[in-house]
Every structure is written in structure tokens, then in C-alpha cells.
Amino acid sequence: MARVAWLYYHQGLTQQEIGDRLGLSRVKVVRLLARARDEGIVQIRVDHPSLRYVELEERLQEAFGLAGAVIVPTGETEEQTREAIGQFGAMYLERSLVPGDVIGTAWGVTLRAVARHLRPLLLPGVTVVQLMGGLNAGGLSNPLDIARAVADKLNGNLHMLYTPAFVDSEAIRDALLSDHRVAQTLKAGASATKALVGIGDVSGESSLLRCGALTAAELEEAVRRGAVGDILGRHFGAGGEPIDSPLAGRVIALPLETLRQIPQVIAFAGGLRKAGAILGALRGRYIHVLITDEATAKRLLESR
């Protein structure tokens, strides 16, 4: 109701234009506007606690050419912020899923929260594909577990990638990629209609560092080469360009260029620590929808 009221009273859009933008019928828009008035959301001005987020979402979409954005309150701790992104991210995903979707899943603590908050849905013909290999690191989110959780919630078919996400050498990676079962899973991931990803940073709290995928010295080398963040364990620079980091030849995951071809990539990431990484991902046009928090959204707009 708040979004419809904002677009109608403040942005001056017609009811038909609002319906076209939000995927609603004109009758539905009329009813929402009436309810907004009845419930006191619309008075002399549009008055609702989340209106500042509606405006931020519109600004983010315009600034970075996004198809969608969801802004959540910034918590007092990183955990609170992650939980908020997980809850609102799950609600966004529930609204956007359609029968027959092929959903690629990555990894990350925030993405795990999204999977946990996702409600069980019965959508015919849904397939979930694991976009990167698995992990064996306590306290972090195994890509296999996230893919399985999403598939269970959606009662979908699951294509697992039965390899490690990170291996010791390029030769091992190439040998595993040559297996036809691994190649088939990655091919299925490349055909996804939606991809759910987290965005990693290059600080001392980097998930890649914490899971042992690379050493502190290798992370420093990646930063020296220009890395500001990673998606699917693949580093990129401030402009979104792929970085040939020490990890580049040891990752078993969908390449960034392939990810860019997926019709809808939804990123779930927040916290000021990740602002630079999120900005690089936006500049690289890797994502179409961003679910983040208020403080991070403001920093992104200031830094664009």
C-alpha cells in the first residue's frame, strides 16, 4: 500500500502506470489506494514507517539500472541486519517465483538466512541447481545445504554439484570439470532463470579467508591486484571487472560472465563492511535485484 501510494501521490504516476510497473491490475491499484486512505497511511502526506525505504529503493534502481531493490532496517549488529535481509529477501523471492523456474543457488550466511525464512511453496516444475561446489567448514554456509534447503521449501528437483568449491590446484580443477556429471550440472546452472547469490568482501572477515579457501597472504595479493569482492568465490574489481586472484584457477563454480547472462540475479548482501564489494558488483552488472539494508543503500548512493 505504501509503495502504491508513494508512486501515485508523490511520483504522479497514473493508476495504469503503477499497475504496469508493479505487475498489478488497475482494479487492484484502486483498491490499494482506497485501503491506504482508510487505514490512515495517506493523509495530507503519505505517512508510513517504511516510506524512506520506498524512496531509497527507487533511487537505487535508477542509479544502478536495477530491476528491483528491497531496503530493510539496519540492525544494531551484523547478525540483526542479516536476519532482516533474510526475512525480507525470502518474502521478495516468494513473490517473484513462477512455475517452471530454474533457480541457481550460491553460498553465504545471508543466503542461508533467506533459505531458512522461505515458506514452503507448491510450484510445479521448479528446479534448483547448485552453482558452486561444496564446503567443509564449520560455522559457514555449505552451498550444498543451501541448495537442498531451497529445493525442499519449493518441493523442487535438485541438481547437486558433487565437488569441492575450492581445490588445491588448477590441474585438479580441470580434471573435475572434465567429468560429464559436473559439466552437466554447471550447464544446468547456466540455464537458470534466477540466481540467488551473496556478495563477499575482502576484509579480514572474508568468508573465503574464514573457510580456508585462501590464506591471508593470498587475500592480500588479491587486493593488491584490485579485488574488492567476490561472487561464487570469484573476485572482481571496483569496476566489476574479473580479477585474476590466487584463487581464480582453483574455483569450481559458474563463471562471472556466465552469471551475467542469467535473466534475474538476486543478491542478498548488507553491512557497511560490504559496501565496496556490493558497489563493484553493481558496476559489473552482475545483479538485477539487490536486497540490502538502509545504511548500506545510502553509502552506495553516496559512492556511485
Protein backbone atom coordinates (compact mmCIF):
# COMPACT_ATOMS: atom_id res chain seq x y z
CA MET A 1 0.00 0.00 0.00
CA ALA A 2 2.79 2.39 0.88
CA ARG A 3 4.57 1.80 -2.42
CA VAL A 4 1.40 2.31 -4.48
CA ALA A 5 0.53 5.47 -2.52
CA TRP A 6 4.04 6.88 -2.96
CA LEU A 7 4.05 6.31 -6.70
CA TYR A 8 0.56 7.79 -7.07
CA TYR A 9 0.69 10.85 -4.79
CA HIS A 10 4.39 11.74 -4.83
CA GLN A 11 5.64 10.48 -8.17
CA GLY A 12 2.47 11.41 -10.06
CA LEU A 13 2.10 8.09 -11.89
CA THR A 14 -1.31 7.09 -13.15
CA GLN A 15 -3.07 4.04 -11.77
CA GLN A 16 -2.41 2.20 -15.03
CA GLU A 17 1.31 3.12 -14.96
CA ILE A 18 1.58 1.88 -11.38
CA GLY A 19 -0.14 -1.36 -12.32
CA ASP A 20 2.23 -1.88 -15.25
CA ARG A 21 5.29 -1.19 -13.08
CA LEU A 22 4.28 -3.44 -10.19
CA GLY A 23 2.52 -6.17 -12.14
CA LEU A 24 -0.91 -5.34 -10.70
CA SER A 25 -4.29 -4.81 -12.33
CA ARG A 26 -5.69 -1.28 -12.34
CA VAL A 27 -8.55 -2.50 -10.12
CA LYS A 28 -6.01 -3.79 -7.58
CA VAL A 29 -4.21 -0.42 -7.60
CA VAL A 30 -7.52 1.41 -6.98
CA ARG A 31 -8.32 -0.89 -4.06
CA LEU A 32 -4.88 -0.45 -2.51
CA LEU A 33 -5.16 3.34 -2.76
CA ALA A 34 -8.57 3.19 -1.08
CA ARG A 35 -7.25 0.98 1.71
CA ALA A 36 -4.28 3.30 2.17
CA ARG A 37 -6.68 6.17 2.78
CA ASP A 38 -8.98 4.12 5.02
CA GLU A 39 -6.09 2.94 7.20
CA GLY A 40 -4.55 6.38 7.57
CA ILE A 41 -1.44 5.72 5.54
CA VAL A 42 -2.49 8.53 3.22
CA GLN A 43 -3.39 11.76 5.00
CA ILE A 44 -2.10 15.12 3.82
CA ARG A 45 1.07 13.22 3.01
CA VAL A 46 1.93 9.54 2.62
CA ASP A 47 2.77 8.55 6.21
CA HIS A 48 4.26 5.12 6.79
CA PRO A 49 7.42 3.99 8.63
CA SER A 50 8.89 2.33 5.55
CA LEU A 51 8.40 5.22 3.13
CA ARG A 52 12.00 6.30 3.40
CA TYR A 53 12.87 2.79 2.17
CA VAL A 54 10.47 3.09 -0.76
CA GLU A 55 12.26 6.26 -1.85
CA LEU A 56 15.68 4.64 -1.33
CA GLU A 57 14.62 1.65 -3.39
CA GLU A 58 13.54 3.90 -6.25
CA ARG A 59 16.82 5.83 -6.07
CA LEU A 60 18.90 2.65 -6.05
CA GLN A 61 17.08 1.25 -9.04
CA GLU A 62 17.53 4.46 -11.00
CA ALA A 63 21.18 4.96 -10.03
CA PHE A 64 22.32 1.44 -10.90
CA GLY A 65 19.81 0.32 -13.51
CA LEU A 66 18.36 -2.36 -11.25
CA ALA A 67 15.13 -4.19 -12.00
CA GLY A 68 14.31 -4.23 -8.30
CA ALA A 69 15.56 -3.31 -4.83
CA VAL A 70 14.41 -4.04 -1.29
CA ILE A 71 15.74 -1.99 1.63
CA VAL A 72 15.48 -3.31 5.19
CA PRO A 73 16.24 -1.60 8.52
CA THR A 74 19.90 -1.67 9.55
CA GLY A 75 20.30 -3.66 12.76
CA GLU A 76 22.45 -2.84 15.75
CA THR A 77 24.61 -5.86 14.86
CA GLU A 78 25.60 -7.55 11.62
CA GLU A 79 23.55 -10.57 12.66
CA GLN A 80 20.40 -8.47 13.04
CA THR A 81 20.96 -6.93 9.62
CA ARG A 82 21.48 -10.37 8.06
CA GLU A 83 18.28 -11.65 9.64
CA ALA A 84 16.30 -8.69 8.29
CA ILE A 85 17.71 -9.25 4.80
CA GLY A 86 16.90 -12.95 5.14
CA GLN A 87 13.29 -12.29 6.11
CA PHE A 88 12.53 -9.62 3.52
CA GLY A 89 14.63 -11.41 0.91
CA ALA A 90 12.57 -14.57 1.38
CA MET A 91 9.34 -12.59 1.01
CA TYR A 92 10.62 -10.99 -2.20
CA LEU A 93 11.62 -14.38 -3.57
CA GLU A 94 8.23 -15.89 -2.76
CA ARG A 95 6.53 -13.13 -4.74
CA SER A 96 8.81 -13.44 -7.74
CA LEU A 97 8.90 -17.21 -8.21
CA VAL A 98 6.87 -18.75 -11.03
CA PRO A 99 6.15 -22.34 -12.08
CA GLY A 100 8.98 -23.84 -14.10
CA ASP A 101 11.69 -21.61 -12.63
CA VAL A 102 15.24 -22.94 -12.66
CA ILE A 103 16.89 -21.44 -9.57
CA GLY A 104 20.66 -21.37 -9.18
CA THR A 105 21.97 -21.02 -5.62
CA ALA A 106 25.34 -19.83 -4.35
CA TRP A 107 26.54 -19.60 -0.74
CA GLY A 108 26.82 -17.23 2.21
CA VAL A 109 25.49 -16.72 5.72
CA THR A 110 22.90 -14.22 4.46
CA LEU A 111 21.71 -16.57 1.74
CA ARG A 112 21.35 -19.27 4.39
CA ALA A 113 19.04 -16.91 6.29
CA VAL A 114 16.96 -16.42 3.14
CA ALA A 115 16.60 -20.18 2.73
CA ARG A 116 15.62 -20.54 6.39
CA HIS A 117 12.89 -17.88 6.18
CA LEU A 118 11.49 -19.12 2.87
CA ARG A 119 7.99 -20.54 3.32
CA PRO A 120 7.05 -23.90 1.79
CA LEU A 121 5.51 -23.33 -1.63
CA LEU A 122 3.99 -25.68 -4.15
CA LEU A 123 5.18 -24.52 -7.55
CA PRO A 124 5.10 -27.07 -10.36
CA GLY A 125 8.23 -27.77 -12.34
CA VAL A 126 10.74 -25.88 -10.18
CA THR A 127 14.39 -26.96 -10.35
CA VAL A 128 17.19 -25.87 -8.01
CA VAL A 129 20.80 -26.04 -9.21
CA GLN A 130 23.89 -25.71 -7.03
CA LEU A 131 26.14 -23.14 -8.75
CA MET A 132 29.37 -23.93 -6.88
CA GLY A 133 30.92 -26.93 -5.18
CA GLY A 134 30.59 -27.79 -1.52
CA LEU A 135 32.45 -26.75 1.62
CA ASN A 136 33.51 -28.48 4.78
CA ALA A 137 33.97 -25.54 7.13
CA GLY A 138 32.28 -25.18 10.48
CA GLY A 139 30.19 -22.07 11.05
CA LEU A 140 29.90 -21.21 7.37
CA SER A 141 27.20 -21.97 4.85
CA ASN A 142 27.69 -25.00 2.68
CA PRO A 143 26.38 -24.33 -0.85
CA LEU A 144 25.02 -27.88 -0.92
CA ASP A 145 22.96 -27.29 2.25
CA ILE A 146 21.54 -24.03 0.89
CA ALA A 147 20.56 -25.64 -2.43
CA ARG A 148 18.92 -28.54 -0.61
CA ALA A 149 17.02 -26.21 1.76
CA VAL A 150 15.64 -24.12 -1.11
CA ALA A 151 14.66 -27.23 -3.06
CA ASP A 152 12.91 -28.68 -0.01
CA LYS A 153 10.93 -25.48 0.60
CA LEU A 154 9.84 -25.31 -3.03
CA ASN A 155 9.33 -29.05 -3.48
CA GLY A 156 11.65 -28.79 -6.47
CA ASN A 157 14.08 -31.06 -8.25
CA LEU A 158 17.67 -30.64 -7.07
CA HIS A 159 20.85 -30.77 -9.14
CA MET A 160 23.83 -31.02 -6.80
CA LEU A 161 27.43 -30.24 -7.69
CA TYR A 162 29.37 -33.07 -6.06
CA THR A 163 32.79 -31.41 -5.99
CA PRO A 164 34.62 -29.14 -3.55
CA ALA A 165 34.10 -25.43 -4.16
CA PHE A 166 37.86 -24.85 -3.89
CA VAL A 167 40.66 -27.26 -4.72
CA ASP A 168 44.44 -27.23 -4.32
CA SER A 169 45.49 -26.69 -7.92
CA GLU A 170 44.34 -25.72 -11.38
CA ALA A 171 45.12 -29.25 -12.58
CA ILE A 172 42.71 -30.75 -10.05
CA ARG A 173 40.05 -28.23 -11.02
CA ASP A 174 40.41 -29.01 -14.71
CA ALA A 175 40.21 -32.75 -14.04
CA LEU A 176 36.98 -32.35 -12.07
CA LEU A 177 35.47 -30.02 -14.67
CA SER A 178 36.14 -32.64 -17.34
CA ASP A 179 33.74 -35.07 -15.62
CA HIS A 180 30.50 -35.11 -17.60
CA ARG A 181 28.30 -35.07 -14.49
CA VAL A 182 29.99 -31.92 -13.20
CA ALA A 183 29.77 -30.33 -16.65
CA GLN A 184 26.05 -31.17 -16.87
CA THR A 185 25.30 -29.54 -13.52
CA LEU A 186 27.17 -26.36 -14.43
CA LYS A 187 25.40 -26.33 -17.80
CA ALA A 188 22.06 -26.57 -15.98
CA GLY A 189 23.15 -23.68 -13.75
CA ALA A 190 23.99 -21.58 -16.79
CA SER A 191 20.40 -22.11 -17.99
CA ALA A 192 18.88 -20.84 -14.72
CA THR A 193 16.06 -18.30 -14.89
CA LYS A 194 17.01 -16.92 -11.47
CA ALA A 195 20.21 -16.99 -9.42
CA LEU A 196 20.42 -16.33 -5.69
CA VAL A 197 23.83 -15.04 -4.63
CA GLY A 198 25.67 -13.46 -1.75
CA ILE A 199 28.47 -10.94 -2.13
CA GLY A 200 31.74 -11.40 -0.27
CA ASP A 201 34.21 -8.70 0.76
CA VAL A 202 37.99 -8.70 1.05
CA SER A 203 38.36 -7.72 4.71
CA GLY A 204 39.75 -9.90 7.47
CA GLU A 205 36.19 -11.19 7.91
CA SER A 206 36.06 -12.52 4.34
CA SER A 207 34.25 -15.85 4.12
CA LEU A 208 36.88 -17.09 1.67
CA LEU A 209 39.52 -16.49 4.33
CA ARG A 210 37.45 -17.97 7.14
CA CYS A 211 36.68 -21.17 5.23
CA GLY A 212 40.33 -21.67 4.29
CA ALA A 213 39.83 -21.22 0.55
CA LEU A 214 42.81 -18.86 0.56
CA THR A 215 45.41 -17.67 3.05
CA ALA A 216 45.78 -14.17 4.47
CA ALA A 217 48.76 -13.65 2.15
CA GLU A 218 46.73 -14.76 -0.87
CA LEU A 219 43.89 -12.45 0.10
CA GLU A 220 46.35 -9.57 0.36
CA GLU A 221 47.63 -10.48 -3.10
CA ALA A 222 44.08 -10.47 -4.45
CA VAL A 223 43.56 -6.99 -3.00
CA ARG A 224 46.88 -5.85 -4.48
CA ARG A 225 45.60 -6.99 -7.88
CA GLY A 226 42.48 -4.88 -7.41
CA ALA A 227 39.91 -7.22 -5.86
CA VAL A 228 37.13 -5.56 -3.85
CA GLY A 229 34.74 -8.51 -3.51
CA ASP A 230 33.62 -11.87 -4.80
CA ILE A 231 30.56 -13.70 -6.04
CA LEU A 232 30.64 -17.50 -6.20
CA GLY A 233 34.23 -17.35 -4.95
CA ARG A 234 35.31 -15.32 -7.99
CA HIS A 235 36.93 -11.96 -7.32
CA PHE A 236 36.10 -8.74 -9.15
CA GLY A 237 37.46 -5.20 -9.05
CA ALA A 238 35.96 -1.81 -8.23
CA GLY A 239 34.52 -1.54 -11.74
CA GLY A 240 33.21 -5.09 -11.69
CA GLU A 241 35.99 -6.48 -13.86
CA PRO A 242 37.06 -10.10 -13.07
CA ILE A 243 40.33 -10.27 -11.13
CA ASP A 244 42.95 -12.95 -11.70
CA SER A 245 43.41 -13.60 -7.99
CA PRO A 246 45.40 -16.50 -6.50
CA LEU A 247 42.09 -18.33 -6.15
CA ALA A 248 40.96 -17.90 -9.75
CA GLY A 249 42.33 -21.21 -11.03
CA ARG A 250 41.07 -23.26 -8.09
CA VAL A 251 37.35 -22.43 -8.02
CA ILE A 252 34.66 -24.84 -9.18
CA ALA A 253 31.67 -22.60 -9.79
CA LEU A 254 29.77 -20.80 -12.50
CA PRO A 255 31.98 -18.10 -14.11
CA LEU A 256 31.03 -14.45 -13.61
CA GLU A 257 30.49 -13.92 -17.33
CA THR A 258 28.03 -16.82 -17.35
CA LEU A 259 26.28 -15.48 -14.25
CA ARG A 260 25.79 -12.19 -16.07
CA GLN A 261 23.72 -13.99 -18.73
CA ILE A 262 21.14 -15.30 -16.25
CA PRO A 263 17.89 -13.30 -16.65
CA GLN A 264 17.45 -12.44 -12.97
CA VAL A 265 20.29 -12.47 -10.45
CA ILE A 266 19.13 -11.58 -6.94
CA ALA A 267 21.84 -10.55 -4.48
CA PHE A 268 21.35 -10.64 -0.72
CA ALA A 269 24.06 -8.59 0.99
CA GLY A 270 24.34 -5.81 3.54
CA GLY A 271 26.51 -4.12 6.12
CA LEU A 272 28.87 -1.20 5.55
CA ARG A 273 31.82 -3.60 5.51
CA LYS A 274 30.48 -4.94 2.21
CA ALA A 275 29.58 -1.61 0.60
CA GLY A 276 32.65 -1.56 -1.66
CA ALA A 277 32.05 -5.14 -2.77
CA ILE A 278 28.37 -4.51 -3.49
CA LEU A 279 29.26 -1.37 -5.44
CA GLY A 280 31.71 -3.34 -7.58
CA ALA A 281 29.07 -6.00 -8.27
CA LEU A 282 26.58 -3.29 -9.28
CA ARG A 283 29.09 -1.64 -11.59
CA GLY A 284 29.88 -5.02 -13.12
CA ARG A 285 26.18 -5.55 -13.92
CA TYR A 286 26.23 -8.94 -12.26
CA ILE A 287 22.97 -8.44 -10.38
CA HIS A 288 19.46 -7.31 -11.29
CA VAL A 289 17.85 -7.16 -7.84
CA LEU A 290 19.53 -6.07 -4.60
CA ILE A 291 18.25 -6.84 -1.10
CA THR A 292 20.25 -4.75 1.36
CA ASP A 293 19.93 -2.50 4.42
CA GLU A 294 19.29 1.21 4.77
CA ALA A 295 22.77 2.31 5.87
CA THR A 296 24.44 0.33 3.08
CA ALA A 297 21.99 1.65 0.47
CA LYS A 298 22.81 5.24 1.48
CA ARG A 299 26.55 4.52 1.27
CA LEU A 300 26.11 3.03 -2.20
CA LEU A 301 24.28 6.13 -3.41
CA GLU A 302 26.96 8.39 -1.92
CA SER A 303 29.73 6.37 -3.61
CA ARG A 304 28.25 5.83 -7.08
